[in-house]
Amino acid sequence: LPGLHLFAIAFTLEVSVGKTNTVMALNNSNVLLPCTFTTCIGFQDLIFTWYFNSTEMIYHGKIKSKTSEPVVVSRNPRVEFVGSTTGKDNNISIVLKNVEFSDAGKYTCHVKNTKEKHAEHNATIFLTVVQKMVEADNTVTLIIVGIVGGLVGLLILFMLIK
């Protein structure tokens, strides 16, 4: 159609909890729940909230701009903010202190950026709490590597003799 022009404006807010969305913690330890966000056009009056099992708010913070650190609005007493948004990464990670078995579940990091027409996005991480960490048994792997290495060595020896 003549005279009709469409312009697409792409605002992109992305939230990530890293390469894996599962974390394992030892009972009575502290655990890091990672979360970072990226935005193409920067941020202003950004709001971020951490939820436990989708309903319980455990941390709520605001960030005025890239040059200011987050301000806590409300938080669970066992939650500590450990991120920073004034550097290269927009890190809004938290540490959950003295983890208990009842803390196992889904943690959601929710971000809302007013500068991007109130764009909202979230990422989820799952926490498993264990009594003790299980050590991996590498015996079978070591046996296989030893056998394969021995066979390769014998093959090279036979080739050198011929």
C-alpha atoms as a PDB file:
ATOM      1  CA  LEU A   1       0.000   0.000   0.000  1.00  0.00           C
ATOM      2  CA  PRO A   2       1.428   3.401  -0.915  1.00  0.00           C
ATOM      3  CA  GLY A   3       2.127   5.654   2.009  1.00  0.00           C
ATOM      4  CA  LEU A   4       1.860   2.839   4.592  1.00  0.00           C
ATOM      5  CA  HIS A   5       5.024   2.304   6.539  1.00  0.00           C
ATOM      6  CA  LEU A   6       5.437  -0.008   9.476  1.00  0.00           C
ATOM      7  CA  PHE A   7       8.235   0.477  11.921  1.00  0.00           C
ATOM      8  CA  ALA A   8       9.073  -2.285  14.339  1.00  0.00           C
ATOM      9  CA  ILE A   9      10.590  -1.177  17.586  1.00  0.00           C
ATOM     10  CA  ALA A  10      12.355  -4.027  19.318  1.00  0.00           C
ATOM     11  CA  PHE A  11      12.903  -3.722  23.022  1.00  0.00           C
ATOM     12  CA  THR A  12      14.740  -6.635  24.508  1.00  0.00           C
ATOM     13  CA  LEU A  13      14.876  -7.490  28.173  1.00  0.00           C
ATOM     14  CA  GLU A  14      16.421 -10.858  28.965  1.00  0.00           C
ATOM     15  CA  VAL A  15      16.833 -12.516  32.347  1.00  0.00           C
ATOM     16  CA  SER A  16      19.112 -15.506  32.968  1.00  0.00           C
ATOM     17  CA  VAL A  17      20.088 -17.791  35.837  1.00  0.00           C
ATOM     18  CA  GLY A  18      23.120 -19.187  34.000  1.00  0.00           C
ATOM     19  CA  LYS A  19      23.863 -22.341  32.044  1.00  0.00           C
ATOM     20  CA  THR A  20      22.012 -24.686  34.349  1.00  0.00           C
ATOM     21  CA  ASN A  21      18.700 -24.055  36.040  1.00  0.00           C
ATOM     22  CA  THR A  22      19.322 -26.393  38.964  1.00  0.00           C
ATOM     23  CA  VAL A  23      21.352 -25.814  42.133  1.00  0.00           C
ATOM     24  CA  MET A  24      22.158 -28.293  44.882  1.00  0.00           C
ATOM     25  CA  ALA A  25      22.835 -27.107  48.431  1.00  0.00           C
ATOM     26  CA  LEU A  26      23.928 -28.800  51.610  1.00  0.00           C
ATOM     27  CA  ASN A  27      21.492 -28.531  54.524  1.00  0.00           C
ATOM     28  CA  ASN A  28      22.443 -25.612  56.864  1.00  0.00           C
ATOM     29  CA  SER A  29      24.758 -24.040  54.254  1.00  0.00           C
ATOM     30  CA  ASN A  30      24.450 -20.817  52.265  1.00  0.00           C
ATOM     31  CA  VAL A  31      23.584 -21.051  48.575  1.00  0.00           C
ATOM     32  CA  LEU A  32      23.983 -18.583  45.722  1.00  0.00           C
ATOM     33  CA  LEU A  33      20.940 -18.138  43.487  1.00  0.00           C
ATOM     34  CA  PRO A  34      22.362 -16.459  40.369  1.00  0.00           C
ATOM     35  CA  CYS A  35      20.461 -14.017  38.164  1.00  0.00           C
ATOM     36  CA  THR A  36      21.555 -11.475  35.571  1.00  0.00           C
ATOM     37  CA  PHE A  37      19.654  -9.340  33.104  1.00  0.00           C
ATOM     38  CA  THR A  38      20.468  -7.638  29.824  1.00  0.00           C
ATOM     39  CA  THR A  39      18.694  -4.816  28.080  1.00  0.00           C
ATOM     40  CA  CYS A  40      19.407  -3.160  24.736  1.00  0.00           C
ATOM     41  CA  ILE A  41      18.451   0.388  25.685  1.00  0.00           C
ATOM     42  CA  GLY A  42      19.543   0.532  29.301  1.00  0.00           C
ATOM     43  CA  PHE A  43      17.272   0.761  32.284  1.00  0.00           C
ATOM     44  CA  GLN A  44      15.612   3.262  34.532  1.00  0.00           C
ATOM     45  CA  ASP A  45      13.561   2.627  37.673  1.00  0.00           C
ATOM     46  CA  LEU A  46      14.041  -1.103  37.181  1.00  0.00           C
ATOM     47  CA  ILE A  47      12.216  -3.370  39.618  1.00  0.00           C
ATOM     48  CA  PHE A  48      13.389  -6.891  40.412  1.00  0.00           C
ATOM     49  CA  THR A  49      11.763  -9.487  42.624  1.00  0.00           C
ATOM     50  CA  TRP A  50      12.701 -12.985  43.731  1.00  0.00           C
ATOM     51  CA  TYR A  51       9.864 -15.444  44.407  1.00  0.00           C
ATOM     52  CA  PHE A  52       9.871 -18.848  46.098  1.00  0.00           C
ATOM     53  CA  ASN A  53       7.483 -21.373  44.515  1.00  0.00           C
ATOM     54  CA  SER A  54       5.815 -18.580  42.493  1.00  0.00           C
ATOM     55  CA  THR A  55       3.960 -17.026  45.429  1.00  0.00           C
ATOM     56  CA  GLU A  56       6.251 -16.085  48.318  1.00  0.00           C
ATOM     57  CA  MET A  57       8.233 -12.892  47.704  1.00  0.00           C
ATOM     58  CA  ILE A  58      11.665 -13.296  49.307  1.00  0.00           C
ATOM     59  CA  TYR A  59      13.430 -10.202  47.895  1.00  0.00           C
ATOM     60  CA  HIS A  60      12.179  -7.019  46.240  1.00  0.00           C
ATOM     61  CA  GLY A  61      14.524  -4.316  45.005  1.00  0.00           C
ATOM     62  CA  LYS A  62      14.678  -1.217  42.805  1.00  0.00           C
ATOM     63  CA  ILE A  63      17.482   0.239  40.717  1.00  0.00           C
ATOM     64  CA  LYS A  64      17.226   3.907  39.707  1.00  0.00           C
ATOM     65  CA  SER A  65      19.806   3.775  36.887  1.00  0.00           C
ATOM     66  CA  LYS A  66      23.009   2.110  35.676  1.00  0.00           C
ATOM     67  CA  THR A  67      25.056   4.388  37.939  1.00  0.00           C
ATOM     68  CA  SER A  68      23.224   3.474  41.147  1.00  0.00           C
ATOM     69  CA  GLU A  69      23.268   0.301  43.197  1.00  0.00           C
ATOM     70  CA  PRO A  70      20.017  -1.522  43.989  1.00  0.00           C
ATOM     71  CA  VAL A  71      17.915  -0.410  46.940  1.00  0.00           C
ATOM     72  CA  VAL A  72      16.106  -3.061  48.952  1.00  0.00           C
ATOM     73  CA  VAL A  73      12.355  -2.550  49.274  1.00  0.00           C
ATOM     74  CA  SER A  74      11.642  -5.713  51.258  1.00  0.00           C
ATOM     75  CA  ARG A  75      13.339  -9.019  51.910  1.00  0.00           C
ATOM     76  CA  ASN A  76      13.279 -12.231  53.846  1.00  0.00           C
ATOM     77  CA  PRO A  77      15.804 -11.949  56.738  1.00  0.00           C
ATOM     78  CA  ARG A  78      17.680 -15.021  55.436  1.00  0.00           C
ATOM     79  CA  VAL A  79      18.200 -13.496  51.982  1.00  0.00           C
ATOM     80  CA  GLU A  80      21.178 -11.291  51.145  1.00  0.00           C
ATOM     81  CA  PHE A  81      21.672  -9.364  47.894  1.00  0.00           C
ATOM     82  CA  VAL A  82      25.151 -10.073  46.469  1.00  0.00           C
ATOM     83  CA  GLY A  83      24.908  -8.638  42.957  1.00  0.00           C
ATOM     84  CA  SER A  84      25.924  -5.337  41.443  1.00  0.00           C
ATOM     85  CA  THR A  85      24.574  -3.368  38.503  1.00  0.00           C
ATOM     86  CA  THR A  86      27.123  -0.563  38.207  1.00  0.00           C
ATOM     87  CA  GLY A  87      29.770  -2.774  36.561  1.00  0.00           C
ATOM     88  CA  LYS A  88      29.747  -4.708  33.310  1.00  0.00           C
ATOM     89  CA  ASP A  89      27.177  -7.295  34.382  1.00  0.00           C
ATOM     90  CA  ASN A  90      23.704  -6.506  35.607  1.00  0.00           C
ATOM     91  CA  ASN A  91      23.929  -9.018  38.432  1.00  0.00           C
ATOM     92  CA  ILE A  92      20.919  -9.315  40.747  1.00  0.00           C
ATOM     93  CA  SER A  93      21.927 -12.566  42.454  1.00  0.00           C
ATOM     94  CA  ILE A  94      21.013 -13.395  46.034  1.00  0.00           C
ATOM     95  CA  VAL A  95      22.334 -15.731  48.723  1.00  0.00           C
ATOM     96  CA  LEU A  96      19.912 -17.812  50.767  1.00  0.00           C
ATOM     97  CA  LYS A  97      21.430 -18.359  54.226  1.00  0.00           C
ATOM     98  CA  ASN A  98      21.135 -21.447  56.443  1.00  0.00           C
ATOM     99  CA  VAL A  99      19.332 -23.527  53.831  1.00  0.00           C
ATOM    100  CA  GLU A 100      16.748 -25.990  55.161  1.00  0.00           C
ATOM    101  CA  PHE A 101      15.001 -28.906  53.462  1.00  0.00           C
ATOM    102  CA  SER A 102      11.825 -26.809  53.284  1.00  0.00           C
ATOM    103  CA  ASP A 103      13.725 -24.319  51.063  1.00  0.00           C
ATOM    104  CA  ALA A 104      13.876 -26.832  48.211  1.00  0.00           C
ATOM    105  CA  GLY A 105      11.777 -25.743  45.252  1.00  0.00           C
ATOM    106  CA  LYS A 106      11.423 -23.189  42.483  1.00  0.00           C
ATOM    107  CA  TYR A 107      13.002 -19.723  42.692  1.00  0.00           C
ATOM    108  CA  THR A 108      12.019 -17.105  40.132  1.00  0.00           C
ATOM    109  CA  CYS A 109      13.949 -13.933  39.374  1.00  0.00           C
ATOM    110  CA  HIS A 110      11.498 -11.405  37.887  1.00  0.00           C
ATOM    111  CA  VAL A 111      12.603  -8.131  36.272  1.00  0.00           C
ATOM    112  CA  LYS A 112      10.500  -5.169  35.082  1.00  0.00           C
ATOM    113  CA  ASN A 113      12.095  -2.283  33.154  1.00  0.00           C
ATOM    114  CA  THR A 114      10.022   0.904  32.931  1.00  0.00           C
ATOM    115  CA  LYS A 115      12.360   2.298  30.252  1.00  0.00           C
ATOM    116  CA  GLU A 116      11.327  -0.528  27.897  1.00  0.00           C
ATOM    117  CA  LYS A 117       7.602   0.226  28.052  1.00  0.00           C
ATOM    118  CA  HIS A 118       7.383  -1.775  31.282  1.00  0.00           C
ATOM    119  CA  ALA A 119       8.875  -4.900  29.678  1.00  0.00           C
ATOM    120  CA  GLU A 120       8.872  -7.855  32.073  1.00  0.00           C
ATOM    121  CA  HIS A 121      10.794 -11.097  31.983  1.00  0.00           C
ATOM    122  CA  ASN A 122      11.826 -13.802  34.429  1.00  0.00           C
ATOM    123  CA  ALA A 123      14.043 -16.842  34.825  1.00  0.00           C
ATOM    124  CA  THR A 124      13.625 -19.819  37.122  1.00  0.00           C
ATOM    125  CA  ILE A 125      16.111 -21.913  39.064  1.00  0.00           C
ATOM    126  CA  PHE A 126      15.361 -25.077  41.036  1.00  0.00           C
ATOM    127  CA  LEU A 127      16.991 -25.695  44.413  1.00  0.00           C
ATOM    128  CA  THR A 128      17.554 -29.165  45.830  1.00  0.00           C
ATOM    129  CA  VAL A 129      18.649 -29.477  49.461  1.00  0.00           C
ATOM    130  CA  VAL A 130      20.618 -32.570  50.517  1.00  0.00           C
ATOM    131  CA  GLN A 131      21.930 -33.938  53.816  1.00  0.00           C
ATOM    132  CA  LYS A 132      25.368 -34.628  52.357  1.00  0.00           C
ATOM    133  CA  MET A 133      26.995 -34.258  48.981  1.00  0.00           C
ATOM    134  CA  VAL A 134      27.498 -37.530  47.114  1.00  0.00           C
ATOM    135  CA  GLU A 135      30.960 -38.155  45.751  1.00  0.00           C
ATOM    136  CA  ALA A 136      31.063 -39.514  42.219  1.00  0.00           C
ATOM    137  CA  ASP A 137      32.672 -42.948  41.896  1.00  0.00           C
ATOM    138  CA  ASN A 138      35.151 -42.793  39.008  1.00  0.00           C
ATOM    139  CA  THR A 139      36.424 -46.378  39.350  1.00  0.00           C
ATOM    140  CA  VAL A 140      34.737 -47.666  36.185  1.00  0.00           C
ATOM    141  CA  THR A 141      35.920 -44.662  34.169  1.00  0.00           C
ATOM    142  CA  LEU A 142      39.503 -45.145  35.356  1.00  0.00           C
ATOM    143  CA  ILE A 143      39.412 -48.860  34.455  1.00  0.00           C
ATOM    144  CA  ILE A 144      38.115 -48.111  30.947  1.00  0.00           C
ATOM    145  CA  VAL A 145      40.707 -45.371  30.389  1.00  0.00           C
ATOM    146  CA  GLY A 146      43.450 -47.731  31.601  1.00  0.00           C
ATOM    147  CA  ILE A 147      42.369 -50.538  29.273  1.00  0.00           C
ATOM    148  CA  VAL A 148      42.032 -48.248  26.242  1.00  0.00           C
ATOM    149  CA  GLY A 149      45.388 -46.629  27.008  1.00  0.00           C
ATOM    150  CA  GLY A 150      47.030 -50.049  27.339  1.00  0.00           C
ATOM    151  CA  LEU A 151      45.572 -51.237  24.026  1.00  0.00           C
ATOM    152  CA  VAL A 152      46.731 -48.085  22.234  1.00  0.00           C
ATOM    153  CA  GLY A 153      50.199 -48.564  23.742  1.00  0.00           C
ATOM    154  CA  LEU A 154      50.332 -52.200  22.560  1.00  0.00           C
ATOM    155  CA  LEU A 155      49.184 -51.185  19.075  1.00  0.00           C
ATOM    156  CA  ILE A 156      51.947 -48.579  18.835  1.00  0.00           C
ATOM    157  CA  LEU A 157      54.496 -51.135  20.094  1.00  0.00           C
ATOM    158  CA  PHE A 158      53.456 -53.680  17.425  1.00  0.00           C
ATOM    159  CA  MET A 159      53.687 -51.002  14.712  1.00  0.00           C
ATOM    160  CA  LEU A 160      57.200 -50.046  15.832  1.00  0.00           C
ATOM    161  CA  ILE A 161      58.388 -53.671  15.904  1.00  0.00           C
ATOM    162  CA  LYS A 162      57.168 -54.415  12.343  1.00  0.00           C
END
